[in-house]
Amino acid sequence: KHHLVPSWQPAGTGVQPEGARAVRKPQPFRTQHTGLPPLGGKPR
């Protein structure tokens, strides 16, 4: 959670390092900016 970018790369954008944990690619919200509650909660 404290990292800015992951060490893996999704399929189609690069090679995913061996043994890397699969993490779902973040989905952008529809507005220009997404307001999220603190601590990384989901946008509402």
PDB file of all heavy atoms in Angstrom:
ATOM      1  N   LYS A   1       0.813  -1.211   0.000  1.00  0.00           N
ATOM      2  CA  LYS A   1       0.000   0.000   0.000  1.00  0.00           C
ATOM      3  C   LYS A   1       0.850   1.266   0.000  1.00  0.00           C
ATOM      4  O   LYS A   1       0.409   2.313  -0.470  1.00  0.00           O
ATOM      5  CB  LYS A   1      -0.930   0.004   1.218  1.00  0.00           C
ATOM      6  CG  LYS A   1      -2.049  -1.030   1.140  1.00  0.00           C
ATOM      7  CD  LYS A   1      -2.996  -0.897   2.323  1.00  0.00           C
ATOM      8  CE  LYS A   1      -4.149  -1.883   2.212  1.00  0.00           C
ATOM      9  NZ  LYS A   1      -5.096  -1.757   3.353  1.00  0.00           N
ATOM     10  N   HIS A   2       2.072   1.184   0.513  1.00  0.00           N
ATOM     11  CA  HIS A   2       2.917   2.378   0.597  1.00  0.00           C
ATOM     12  C   HIS A   2       3.711   2.609  -0.683  1.00  0.00           C
ATOM     13  O   HIS A   2       4.388   3.614  -0.816  1.00  0.00           O
ATOM     14  CB  HIS A   2       3.881   2.249   1.780  1.00  0.00           C
ATOM     15  CG  HIS A   2       4.869   1.131   1.619  1.00  0.00           C
ATOM     16  ND1 HIS A   2       4.527  -0.193   1.812  1.00  0.00           N
ATOM     17  CD2 HIS A   2       6.187   1.129   1.267  1.00  0.00           C
ATOM     18  CE1 HIS A   2       5.573  -0.951   1.604  1.00  0.00           C
ATOM     19  NE2 HIS A   2       6.607  -0.185   1.270  1.00  0.00           N
ATOM     20  N   HIS A   3       3.642   1.668  -1.623  1.00  0.00           N
ATOM     21  CA  HIS A   3       4.365   1.822  -2.879  1.00  0.00           C
ATOM     22  C   HIS A   3       3.576   2.704  -3.852  1.00  0.00           C
ATOM     23  O   HIS A   3       2.350   2.710  -3.845  1.00  0.00           O
ATOM     24  CB  HIS A   3       4.639   0.459  -3.532  1.00  0.00           C
ATOM     25  CG  HIS A   3       5.570  -0.391  -2.740  1.00  0.00           C
ATOM     26  ND1 HIS A   3       5.199  -1.607  -2.211  1.00  0.00           N
ATOM     27  CD2 HIS A   3       6.857  -0.195  -2.370  1.00  0.00           C
ATOM     28  CE1 HIS A   3       6.220  -2.137  -1.555  1.00  0.00           C
ATOM     29  NE2 HIS A   3       7.235  -1.292  -1.630  1.00  0.00           N
ATOM     30  N   LEU A   4       4.302   3.418  -4.710  1.00  0.00           N
ATOM     31  CA  LEU A   4       3.650   4.286  -5.693  1.00  0.00           C
ATOM     32  C   LEU A   4       3.262   3.504  -6.944  1.00  0.00           C
ATOM     33  O   LEU A   4       2.155   3.673  -7.477  1.00  0.00           O
ATOM     34  CB  LEU A   4       4.574   5.454  -6.067  1.00  0.00           C
ATOM     35  CG  LEU A   4       3.968   6.503  -7.000  1.00  0.00           C
ATOM     36  CD1 LEU A   4       2.807   7.222  -6.321  1.00  0.00           C
ATOM     37  CD2 LEU A   4       5.024   7.517  -7.444  1.00  0.00           C
ATOM     38  N   VAL A   5       4.162   2.645  -7.444  1.00  0.00           N
ATOM     39  CA  VAL A   5       3.871   1.834  -8.631  1.00  0.00           C
ATOM     40  C   VAL A   5       4.276   0.396  -8.330  1.00  0.00           C
ATOM     41  O   VAL A   5       5.227   0.147  -7.582  1.00  0.00           O
ATOM     42  CB  VAL A   5       4.623   2.344  -9.882  1.00  0.00           C
ATOM     43  CG1 VAL A   5       4.126   3.724 -10.267  1.00  0.00           C
ATOM     44  CG2 VAL A   5       6.120   2.347  -9.674  1.00  0.00           C
ATOM     45  N   PRO A   6       3.546  -0.566  -8.921  1.00  0.00           N
ATOM     46  CA  PRO A   6       3.889  -1.969  -8.668  1.00  0.00           C
ATOM     47  C   PRO A   6       5.112  -2.399  -9.455  1.00  0.00           C
ATOM     48  O   PRO A   6       5.521  -1.750 -10.423  1.00  0.00           O
ATOM     49  CB  PRO A   6       2.637  -2.717  -9.133  1.00  0.00           C
ATOM     50  CG  PRO A   6       2.035  -1.834 -10.166  1.00  0.00           C
ATOM     51  CD  PRO A   6       2.322  -0.426  -9.729  1.00  0.00           C
ATOM     52  N   SER A   7       5.674  -3.499  -9.073  1.00  0.00           N
ATOM     53  CA  SER A   7       6.850  -4.028  -9.750  1.00  0.00           C
ATOM     54  C   SER A   7       6.469  -4.933 -10.920  1.00  0.00           C
ATOM     55  O   SER A   7       7.335  -5.418 -11.632  1.00  0.00           O
ATOM     56  CB  SER A   7       7.709  -4.827  -8.760  1.00  0.00           C
ATOM     57  OG  SER A   7       6.937  -5.850  -8.159  1.00  0.00           O
ATOM     58  N   TRP A   8       5.176  -5.168 -11.120  1.00  0.00           N
ATOM     59  CA  TRP A   8       4.707  -6.018 -12.207  1.00  0.00           C
ATOM     60  C   TRP A   8       4.079  -5.158 -13.294  1.00  0.00           C
ATOM     61  O   TRP A   8       3.802  -3.991 -13.115  1.00  0.00           O
ATOM     62  CB  TRP A   8       3.674  -7.026 -11.694  1.00  0.00           C
ATOM     63  CG  TRP A   8       2.452  -6.337 -11.123  1.00  0.00           C
ATOM     64  CD1 TRP A   8       2.311  -5.807  -9.883  1.00  0.00           C
ATOM     65  CD2 TRP A   8       1.236  -6.075 -11.821  1.00  0.00           C
ATOM     66  NE1 TRP A   8       1.085  -5.227  -9.745  1.00  0.00           N
ATOM     67  CE2 TRP A   8       0.391  -5.380 -10.918  1.00  0.00           C
ATOM     68  CE3 TRP A   8       0.774  -6.360 -13.094  1.00  0.00           C
ATOM     69  CZ2 TRP A   8      -0.894  -4.959 -11.255  1.00  0.00           C
ATOM     70  CZ3 TRP A   8      -0.503  -5.940 -13.433  1.00  0.00           C
ATOM     71  CH2 TRP A   8      -1.332  -5.246 -12.518  1.00  0.00           C
ATOM     72  N   GLN A   9       3.847  -5.792 -14.432  1.00  0.00           N
ATOM     73  CA  GLN A   9       3.234  -5.095 -15.562  1.00  0.00           C
ATOM     74  C   GLN A   9       2.111  -5.957 -16.114  1.00  0.00           C
ATOM     75  O   GLN A   9       2.311  -7.145 -16.363  1.00  0.00           O
ATOM     76  CB  GLN A   9       4.275  -4.834 -16.662  1.00  0.00           C
ATOM     77  CG  GLN A   9       3.862  -3.799 -17.682  1.00  0.00           C
ATOM     78  CD  GLN A   9       3.847  -2.393 -17.111  1.00  0.00           C
ATOM     79  OE1 GLN A   9       4.428  -2.144 -16.066  1.00  0.00           O
ATOM     80  NE2 GLN A   9       3.149  -1.493 -17.787  1.00  0.00           N
ATOM     81  N   PRO A  10       0.915  -5.417 -16.322  1.00  0.00           N
ATOM     82  CA  PRO A  10      -0.203  -6.215 -16.846  1.00  0.00           C
ATOM     83  C   PRO A  10       0.099  -6.747 -18.246  1.00  0.00           C
ATOM     84  O   PRO A  10       0.891  -6.167 -18.989  1.00  0.00           O
ATOM     85  CB  PRO A  10      -1.374  -5.225 -16.888  1.00  0.00           C
ATOM     86  CG  PRO A  10      -0.977  -4.113 -15.969  1.00  0.00           C
ATOM     87  CD  PRO A  10       0.515  -4.041 -16.042  1.00  0.00           C
ATOM     88  N   ALA A  11      -0.549  -7.821 -18.592  1.00  0.00           N
ATOM     89  CA  ALA A  11      -0.390  -8.397 -19.933  1.00  0.00           C
ATOM     90  C   ALA A  11      -0.766  -7.365 -20.987  1.00  0.00           C
ATOM     91  O   ALA A  11      -1.725  -6.624 -20.844  1.00  0.00           O
ATOM     92  CB  ALA A  11      -1.268  -9.638 -20.073  1.00  0.00           C
ATOM     93  N   GLY A  12       0.049  -7.333 -22.034  1.00  0.00           N
ATOM     94  CA  GLY A  12      -0.213  -6.393 -23.118  1.00  0.00           C
ATOM     95  C   GLY A  12       0.551  -5.103 -23.005  1.00  0.00           C
ATOM     96  O   GLY A  12       0.626  -4.330 -23.949  1.00  0.00           O
ATOM     97  N   THR A  13       1.118  -4.850 -21.812  1.00  0.00           N
ATOM     98  CA  THR A  13       1.878  -3.609 -21.648  1.00  0.00           C
ATOM     99  C   THR A  13       3.337  -3.872 -21.320  1.00  0.00           C
ATOM    100  O   THR A  13       4.116  -2.941 -21.197  1.00  0.00           O
ATOM    101  CB  THR A  13       1.273  -2.749 -20.520  1.00  0.00           C
ATOM    102  OG1 THR A  13       1.303  -3.501 -19.298  1.00  0.00           O
ATOM    103  CG2 THR A  13      -0.162  -2.364 -20.836  1.00  0.00           C
ATOM    104  N   GLY A  14       3.690  -5.124 -21.156  1.00  0.00           N
ATOM    105  CA  GLY A  14       5.071  -5.436 -20.815  1.00  0.00           C
ATOM    106  C   GLY A  14       5.165  -6.858 -20.294  1.00  0.00           C
ATOM    107  O   GLY A  14       4.197  -7.613 -20.301  1.00  0.00           O
ATOM    108  N   VAL A  15       6.341  -7.236 -19.795  1.00  0.00           N
ATOM    109  CA  VAL A  15       6.555  -8.590 -19.277  1.00  0.00           C
ATOM    110  C   VAL A  15       6.384  -8.573 -17.771  1.00  0.00           C
ATOM    111  O   VAL A  15       7.010  -7.774 -17.072  1.00  0.00           O
ATOM    112  CB  VAL A  15       7.968  -9.091 -19.637  1.00  0.00           C
ATOM    113  CG1 VAL A  15       8.179 -10.478 -19.056  1.00  0.00           C
ATOM    114  CG2 VAL A  15       8.151  -9.100 -21.155  1.00  0.00           C
ATOM    115  N   GLN A  16       5.546  -9.448 -17.276  1.00  0.00           N
ATOM    116  CA  GLN A  16       5.332  -9.527 -15.844  1.00  0.00           C
ATOM    117  C   GLN A  16       6.438 -10.367 -15.214  1.00  0.00           C
ATOM    118  O   GLN A  16       6.693 -11.493 -15.642  1.00  0.00           O
ATOM    119  CB  GLN A  16       3.968 -10.161 -15.568  1.00  0.00           C
ATOM    120  CG  GLN A  16       3.638 -10.250 -14.084  1.00  0.00           C
ATOM    121  CD  GLN A  16       2.200 -10.691 -13.882  1.00  0.00           C
ATOM    122  OE1 GLN A  16       1.333 -10.385 -14.680  1.00  0.00           O
ATOM    123  NE2 GLN A  16       1.962 -11.433 -12.818  1.00  0.00           N
ATOM    124  N   PRO A  17       7.116  -9.836 -14.193  1.00  0.00           N
ATOM    125  CA  PRO A  17       8.197 -10.588 -13.557  1.00  0.00           C
ATOM    126  C   PRO A  17       7.700 -11.923 -12.997  1.00  0.00           C
ATOM    127  O   PRO A  17       6.567 -12.027 -12.534  1.00  0.00           O
ATOM    128  CB  PRO A  17       8.648  -9.644 -12.425  1.00  0.00           C
ATOM    129  CG  PRO A  17       8.189  -8.281 -12.862  1.00  0.00           C
ATOM    130  CD  PRO A  17       6.934  -8.506 -13.609  1.00  0.00           C
ATOM    131  N   GLU A  18       8.561 -12.902 -13.076  1.00  0.00           N
ATOM    132  CA  GLU A  18       8.208 -14.245 -12.615  1.00  0.00           C
ATOM    133  C   GLU A  18       7.909 -14.218 -11.124  1.00  0.00           C
ATOM    134  O   GLU A  18       8.633 -13.622 -10.329  1.00  0.00           O
ATOM    135  CB  GLU A  18       9.354 -15.220 -12.894  1.00  0.00           C
ATOM    136  CG  GLU A  18       9.020 -16.660 -12.538  1.00  0.00           C
ATOM    137  CD  GLU A  18      10.160 -17.597 -12.866  1.00  0.00           C
ATOM    138  OE1 GLU A  18      11.146 -17.134 -13.495  1.00  0.00           O
ATOM    139  OE2 GLU A  18      10.060 -18.778 -12.502  1.00  0.00           O
ATOM    140  N   GLY A  19       6.804 -14.856 -10.758  1.00  0.00           N
ATOM    141  CA  GLY A  19       6.440 -14.936  -9.357  1.00  0.00           C
ATOM    142  C   GLY A  19       5.721 -13.720  -8.831  1.00  0.00           C
ATOM    143  O   GLY A  19       5.381 -13.654  -7.654  1.00  0.00           O
ATOM    144  N   ALA A  20       5.484 -12.748  -9.708  1.00  0.00           N
ATOM    145  CA  ALA A  20       4.812 -11.543  -9.243  1.00  0.00           C
ATOM    146  C   ALA A  20       3.364 -11.851  -8.904  1.00  0.00           C
ATOM    147  O   ALA A  20       2.712 -12.651  -9.560  1.00  0.00           O
ATOM    148  CB  ALA A  20       4.857 -10.462 -10.323  1.00  0.00           C
ATOM    149  N   ARG A  21       2.885 -11.212  -7.866  1.00  0.00           N
ATOM    150  CA  ARG A  21       1.509 -11.417  -7.427  1.00  0.00           C
ATOM    151  C   ARG A  21       0.557 -10.713  -8.388  1.00  0.00           C
ATOM    152  O   ARG A  21       0.758  -9.565  -8.762  1.00  0.00           O
ATOM    153  CB  ARG A  21       1.336 -10.851  -6.013  1.00  0.00           C
ATOM    154  CG  ARG A  21      -0.055 -11.018  -5.447  1.00  0.00           C
ATOM    155  CD  ARG A  21      -0.047 -10.670  -3.949  1.00  0.00           C
ATOM    156  NE  ARG A  21       0.414  -9.310  -3.713  1.00  0.00           N
ATOM    157  CZ  ARG A  21      -0.415  -8.251  -3.647  1.00  0.00           C
ATOM    158  NH1 ARG A  21      -1.712  -8.429  -3.842  1.00  0.00           N
ATOM    159  NH2 ARG A  21       0.059  -7.055  -3.381  1.00  0.00           N
ATOM    160  N   ALA A  22      -0.474 -11.428  -8.833  1.00  0.00           N
ATOM    161  CA  ALA A  22      -1.443 -10.835  -9.757  1.00  0.00           C
ATOM    162  C   ALA A  22      -2.276  -9.797  -9.023  1.00  0.00           C
ATOM    163  O   ALA A  22      -2.871 -10.087  -7.985  1.00  0.00           O
ATOM    164  CB  ALA A  22      -2.354 -11.908 -10.339  1.00  0.00           C
ATOM    165  N   VAL A  23      -2.287  -8.593  -9.555  1.00  0.00           N
ATOM    166  CA  VAL A  23      -3.057  -7.496  -8.964  1.00  0.00           C
ATOM    167  C   VAL A  23      -3.932  -6.907 -10.060  1.00  0.00           C
ATOM    168  O   VAL A  23      -3.468  -6.679 -11.174  1.00  0.00           O
ATOM    169  CB  VAL A  23      -2.132  -6.396  -8.386  1.00  0.00           C
ATOM    170  CG1 VAL A  23      -2.971  -5.284  -7.761  1.00  0.00           C
ATOM    171  CG2 VAL A  23      -1.195  -6.996  -7.344  1.00  0.00           C
ATOM    172  N   ARG A  24      -5.189  -6.676  -9.740  1.00  0.00           N
ATOM    173  CA  ARG A  24      -6.101  -6.133 -10.749  1.00  0.00           C
ATOM    174  C   ARG A  24      -5.688  -4.718 -11.150  1.00  0.00           C
ATOM    175  O   ARG A  24      -5.372  -3.896 -10.313  1.00  0.00           O
ATOM    176  CB  ARG A  24      -7.528  -6.113 -10.192  1.00  0.00           C
ATOM    177  CG  ARG A  24      -8.575  -5.682 -11.217  1.00  0.00           C
ATOM    178  CD  ARG A  24      -9.971  -5.859 -10.656  1.00  0.00           C
ATOM    179  NE  ARG A  24     -10.181  -5.031  -9.472  1.00  0.00           N
ATOM    180  CZ  ARG A  24     -10.644  -3.771  -9.547  1.00  0.00           C
ATOM    181  NH1 ARG A  24     -10.918  -3.242 -10.716  1.00  0.00           N
ATOM    182  NH2 ARG A  24     -10.822  -3.094  -8.436  1.00  0.00           N
ATOM    183  N   LYS A  25      -5.696  -4.458 -12.445  1.00  0.00           N
ATOM    184  CA  LYS A  25      -5.347  -3.135 -12.951  1.00  0.00           C
ATOM    185  C   LYS A  25      -6.361  -2.113 -12.445  1.00  0.00           C
ATOM    186  O   LYS A  25      -7.561  -2.316 -12.529  1.00  0.00           O
ATOM    187  CB  LYS A  25      -5.344  -3.142 -14.485  1.00  0.00           C
ATOM    188  CG  LYS A  25      -4.992  -1.798 -15.105  1.00  0.00           C
ATOM    189  CD  LYS A  25      -5.027  -1.879 -16.621  1.00  0.00           C
ATOM    190  CE  LYS A  25      -4.732  -0.527 -17.240  1.00  0.00           C
ATOM    191  NZ  LYS A  25      -4.780  -0.577 -18.722  1.00  0.00           N
ATOM    192  N   PRO A  26      -5.902  -0.971 -11.903  1.00  0.00           N
ATOM    193  CA  PRO A  26      -6.838   0.040 -11.408  1.00  0.00           C
ATOM    194  C   PRO A  26      -7.744   0.548 -12.517  1.00  0.00           C
ATOM    195  O   PRO A  26      -7.324   0.715 -13.655  1.00  0.00           O
ATOM    196  CB  PRO A  26      -5.904   1.153 -10.915  1.00  0.00           C
ATOM    197  CG  PRO A  26      -4.582   0.497 -10.703  1.00  0.00           C
ATOM    198  CD  PRO A  26      -4.508  -0.596 -11.701  1.00  0.00           C
ATOM    199  N   GLN A  27      -9.009   0.754 -12.187  1.00  0.00           N
ATOM    200  CA  GLN A  27      -9.975   1.253 -13.152  1.00  0.00           C
ATOM    201  C   GLN A  27     -10.243   2.735 -12.882  1.00  0.00           C
ATOM    202  O   GLN A  27     -10.623   3.094 -11.766  1.00  0.00           O
ATOM    203  CB  GLN A  27     -11.296   0.475 -13.029  1.00  0.00           C
ATOM    204  CG  GLN A  27     -11.140  -1.002 -13.306  1.00  0.00           C
ATOM    205  CD  GLN A  27     -10.690  -1.256 -14.739  1.00  0.00           C
ATOM    206  OE1 GLN A  27     -11.253  -0.692 -15.672  1.00  0.00           O
ATOM    207  NE2 GLN A  27      -9.686  -2.084 -14.912  1.00  0.00           N
ATOM    208  N   PRO A  28     -10.027   3.588 -13.867  1.00  0.00           N
ATOM    209  CA  PRO A  28     -10.287   5.012 -13.642  1.00  0.00           C
ATOM    210  C   PRO A  28     -11.773   5.281 -13.481  1.00  0.00           C
ATOM    211  O   PRO A  28     -12.603   4.614 -14.100  1.00  0.00           O
ATOM    212  CB  PRO A  28      -9.747   5.670 -14.926  1.00  0.00           C
ATOM    213  CG  PRO A  28      -9.815   4.596 -15.963  1.00  0.00           C
ATOM    214  CD  PRO A  28      -9.547   3.313 -15.226  1.00  0.00           C
ATOM    215  N   PHE A  29     -12.082   6.259 -12.632  1.00  0.00           N
ATOM    216  CA  PHE A  29     -13.464   6.655 -12.424  1.00  0.00           C
ATOM    217  C   PHE A  29     -13.906   7.523 -13.584  1.00  0.00           C
ATOM    218  O   PHE A  29     -13.103   8.002 -14.366  1.00  0.00           O
ATOM    219  CB  PHE A  29     -13.581   7.416 -11.095  1.00  0.00           C
ATOM    220  CG  PHE A  29     -14.971   7.443 -10.539  1.00  0.00           C
ATOM    221  CD1 PHE A  29     -15.768   6.318 -10.557  1.00  0.00           C
ATOM    222  CD2 PHE A  29     -15.470   8.606  -9.973  1.00  0.00           C
ATOM    223  CE1 PHE A  29     -17.043   6.358 -10.018  1.00  0.00           C
ATOM    224  CE2 PHE A  29     -16.740   8.638  -9.441  1.00  0.00           C
ATOM    225  CZ  PHE A  29     -17.532   7.517  -9.459  1.00  0.00           C
ATOM    226  N   ARG A  30     -15.181   7.768 -13.738  1.00  0.00           N
ATOM    227  CA  ARG A  30     -15.682   8.463 -14.918  1.00  0.00           C
ATOM    228  C   ARG A  30     -15.396   9.957 -14.894  1.00  0.00           C
ATOM    229  O   ARG A  30     -15.354  10.585 -15.937  1.00  0.00           O
ATOM    230  CB  ARG A  30     -17.189   8.238 -15.042  1.00  0.00           C
ATOM    231  CG  ARG A  30     -17.557   6.807 -15.404  1.00  0.00           C
ATOM    232  CD  ARG A  30     -19.044   6.673 -15.581  1.00  0.00           C
ATOM    233  NE  ARG A  30     -19.420   5.313 -15.955  1.00  0.00           N
ATOM    234  CZ  ARG A  30     -20.659   4.907 -16.160  1.00  0.00           C
ATOM    235  NH1 ARG A  30     -21.648   5.773 -16.012  1.00  0.00           N
ATOM    236  NH2 ARG A  30     -20.903   3.669 -16.504  1.00  0.00           N
ATOM    237  N   THR A  31     -15.287  10.536 -13.738  1.00  0.00           N
ATOM    238  CA  THR A  31     -15.027  11.973 -13.670  1.00  0.00           C
ATOM    239  C   THR A  31     -13.554  12.245 -13.905  1.00  0.00           C
ATOM    240  O   THR A  31     -12.731  11.330 -13.953  1.00  0.00           O
ATOM    241  CB  THR A  31     -15.426  12.530 -12.294  1.00  0.00           C
ATOM    242  OG1 THR A  31     -14.722  11.795 -11.291  1.00  0.00           O
ATOM    243  CG2 THR A  31     -16.906  12.385 -12.065  1.00  0.00           C
ATOM    244  N   GLN A  32     -13.226  13.521 -14.007  1.00  0.00           N
ATOM    245  CA  GLN A  32     -11.841  13.869 -14.296  1.00  0.00           C
ATOM    246  C   GLN A  32     -10.920  13.471 -13.146  1.00  0.00           C
ATOM    247  O   GLN A  32      -9.769  13.160 -13.349  1.00  0.00           O
ATOM    248  CB  GLN A  32     -11.719  15.367 -14.563  1.00  0.00           C
ATOM    249  CG  GLN A  32     -12.305  15.767 -15.923  1.00  0.00           C
ATOM    250  CD  GLN A  32     -12.096  17.219 -16.209  1.00  0.00           C
ATOM    251  OE1 GLN A  32     -12.379  18.057 -15.370  1.00  0.00           O
ATOM    252  NE2 GLN A  32     -11.618  17.542 -17.380  1.00  0.00           N
ATOM    253  N   HIS A  33     -11.413  13.543 -11.943  1.00  0.00           N
ATOM    254  CA  HIS A  33     -10.642  13.115 -10.788  1.00  0.00           C
ATOM    255  C   HIS A  33     -11.554  12.258  -9.928  1.00  0.00           C
ATOM    256  O   HIS A  33     -12.771  12.419  -9.924  1.00  0.00           O
ATOM    257  CB  HIS A  33     -10.160  14.312  -9.969  1.00  0.00           C
ATOM    258  CG  HIS A  33      -9.184  15.170 -10.682  1.00  0.00           C
ATOM    259  ND1 HIS A  33      -7.833  15.093 -10.499  1.00  0.00           N
ATOM    260  CD2 HIS A  33      -9.359  16.128 -11.627  1.00  0.00           C
ATOM    261  CE1 HIS A  33      -7.230  15.974 -11.274  1.00  0.00           C
ATOM    262  NE2 HIS A  33      -8.137  16.621 -11.963  1.00  0.00           N
ATOM    263  N   THR A  34     -10.967  11.352  -9.203  1.00  0.00           N
ATOM    264  CA  THR A  34     -11.751  10.468  -8.352  1.00  0.00           C
ATOM    265  C   THR A  34     -11.516  10.817  -6.895  1.00  0.00           C
ATOM    266  O   THR A  34     -10.383  10.824  -6.427  1.00  0.00           O
ATOM    267  CB  THR A  34     -11.353   8.998  -8.584  1.00  0.00           C
ATOM    268  OG1 THR A  34     -11.631   8.671  -9.940  1.00  0.00           O
ATOM    269  CG2 THR A  34     -12.160   8.088  -7.688  1.00  0.00           C
ATOM    270  N   GLY A  35     -12.591  11.141  -6.212  1.00  0.00           N
ATOM    271  CA  GLY A  35     -12.470  11.391  -4.783  1.00  0.00           C
ATOM    272  C   GLY A  35     -12.643  10.096  -4.031  1.00  0.00           C
ATOM    273  O   GLY A  35     -13.676   9.451  -4.111  1.00  0.00           O
ATOM    274  N   LEU A  36     -11.657   9.700  -3.291  1.00  0.00           N
ATOM    275  CA  LEU A  36     -11.740   8.456  -2.525  1.00  0.00           C
ATOM    276  C   LEU A  36     -11.669   8.765  -1.037  1.00  0.00           C
ATOM    277  O   LEU A  36     -10.971   9.694  -0.620  1.00  0.00           O
ATOM    278  CB  LEU A  36     -10.572   7.526  -2.877  1.00  0.00           C
ATOM    279  CG  LEU A  36     -10.473   7.056  -4.335  1.00  0.00           C
ATOM    280  CD1 LEU A  36      -9.216   6.215  -4.493  1.00  0.00           C
ATOM    281  CD2 LEU A  36     -11.684   6.226  -4.690  1.00  0.00           C
ATOM    282  N   PRO A  37     -12.371   8.010  -0.219  1.00  0.00           N
ATOM    283  CA  PRO A  37     -12.194   8.147   1.218  1.00  0.00           C
ATOM    284  C   PRO A  37     -10.751   7.809   1.594  1.00  0.00           C
ATOM    285  O   PRO A  37     -10.041   7.158   0.826  1.00  0.00           O
ATOM    286  CB  PRO A  37     -13.172   7.111   1.795  1.00  0.00           C
ATOM    287  CG  PRO A  37     -14.153   6.849   0.690  1.00  0.00           C
ATOM    288  CD  PRO A  37     -13.367   7.003  -0.576  1.00  0.00           C
ATOM    289  N   PRO A  38     -10.251   8.257   2.728  1.00  0.00           N
ATOM    290  CA  PRO A  38      -8.879   7.949   3.143  1.00  0.00           C
ATOM    291  C   PRO A  38      -8.615   6.446   3.189  1.00  0.00           C
ATOM    292  O   PRO A  38      -9.542   5.634   3.254  1.00  0.00           O
ATOM    293  CB  PRO A  38      -8.807   8.581   4.543  1.00  0.00           C
ATOM    294  CG  PRO A  38      -9.884   9.625   4.554  1.00  0.00           C
ATOM    295  CD  PRO A  38     -10.973   9.099   3.694  1.00  0.00           C
ATOM    296  N   LEU A  39      -7.359   6.109   3.129  1.00  0.00           N
ATOM    297  CA  LEU A  39      -6.871   4.744   3.277  1.00  0.00           C
ATOM    298  C   LEU A  39      -7.286   3.844   2.122  1.00  0.00           C
ATOM    299  O   LEU A  39      -7.423   2.637   2.270  1.00  0.00           O
ATOM    300  CB  LEU A  39      -7.351   4.134   4.607  1.00  0.00           C
ATOM    301  CG  LEU A  39      -6.948   4.934   5.868  1.00  0.00           C
ATOM    302  CD1 LEU A  39      -7.487   4.265   7.112  1.00  0.00           C
ATOM    303  CD2 LEU A  39      -5.437   5.099   5.945  1.00  0.00           C
ATOM    304  N   GLY A  40      -7.489   4.468   0.940  1.00  0.00           N
ATOM    305  CA  GLY A  40      -7.672   3.657  -0.262  1.00  0.00           C
ATOM    306  C   GLY A  40      -9.008   2.982  -0.398  1.00  0.00           C
ATOM    307  O   GLY A  40      -9.142   1.987  -1.098  1.00  0.00           O
ATOM    308  N   GLY A  41     -10.047   3.514   0.262  1.00  0.00           N
ATOM    309  CA  GLY A  41     -11.366   2.932   0.091  1.00  0.00           C
ATOM    310  C   GLY A  41     -11.882   3.095  -1.320  1.00  0.00           C
ATOM    311  O   GLY A  41     -11.352   3.856  -2.108  1.00  0.00           O
ATOM    312  N   LYS A  42     -12.948   2.401  -1.652  1.00  0.00           N
ATOM    313  CA  LYS A  42     -13.491   2.474  -2.999  1.00  0.00           C
ATOM    314  C   LYS A  42     -14.254   3.778  -3.197  1.00  0.00           C
ATOM    315  O   LYS A  42     -14.874   4.288  -2.273  1.00  0.00           O
ATOM    316  CB  LYS A  42     -14.428   1.294  -3.261  1.00  0.00           C
ATOM    317  CG  LYS A  42     -13.723  -0.057  -3.298  1.00  0.00           C
ATOM    318  CD  LYS A  42     -14.695  -1.157  -3.629  1.00  0.00           C
ATOM    319  CE  LYS A  42     -13.991  -2.509  -3.718  1.00  0.00           C
ATOM    320  NZ  LYS A  42     -14.940  -3.582  -4.038  1.00  0.00           N
ATOM    321  N   PRO A  43     -14.208   4.316  -4.442  1.00  0.00           N
ATOM    322  CA  PRO A  43     -14.961   5.544  -4.709  1.00  0.00           C
ATOM    323  C   PRO A  43     -16.456   5.289  -4.657  1.00  0.00           C
ATOM    324  O   PRO A  43     -16.926   4.212  -4.994  1.00  0.00           O
ATOM    325  CB  PRO A  43     -14.525   5.927  -6.125  1.00  0.00           C
ATOM    326  CG  PRO A  43     -14.122   4.638  -6.747  1.00  0.00           C
ATOM    327  CD  PRO A  43     -13.516   3.830  -5.640  1.00  0.00           C
ATOM    328  N   ARG A  44     -17.176   6.298  -4.225  1.00  0.00           N
ATOM    329  CA  ARG A  44     -18.622   6.162  -4.168  1.00  0.00           C
ATOM    330  C   ARG A  44     -19.251   7.304  -4.937  1.00  0.00           C
ATOM    331  O   ARG A  44     -18.835   8.447  -4.834  1.00  0.00           O
ATOM    332  CB  ARG A  44     -19.097   6.204  -2.712  1.00  0.00           C
ATOM    333  CG  ARG A  44     -18.602   5.048  -1.872  1.00  0.00           C
ATOM    334  CD  ARG A  44     -19.011   5.226  -0.428  1.00  0.00           C
ATOM    335  NE  ARG A  44     -18.324   6.385   0.155  1.00  0.00           N
ATOM    336  CZ  ARG A  44     -18.570   6.817   1.384  1.00  0.00           C
ATOM    337  NH1 ARG A  44     -19.474   6.234   2.133  1.00  0.00           N
ATOM    338  NH2 ARG A  44     -17.913   7.857   1.854  1.00  0.00           N
TER     339      ARG A  44
END
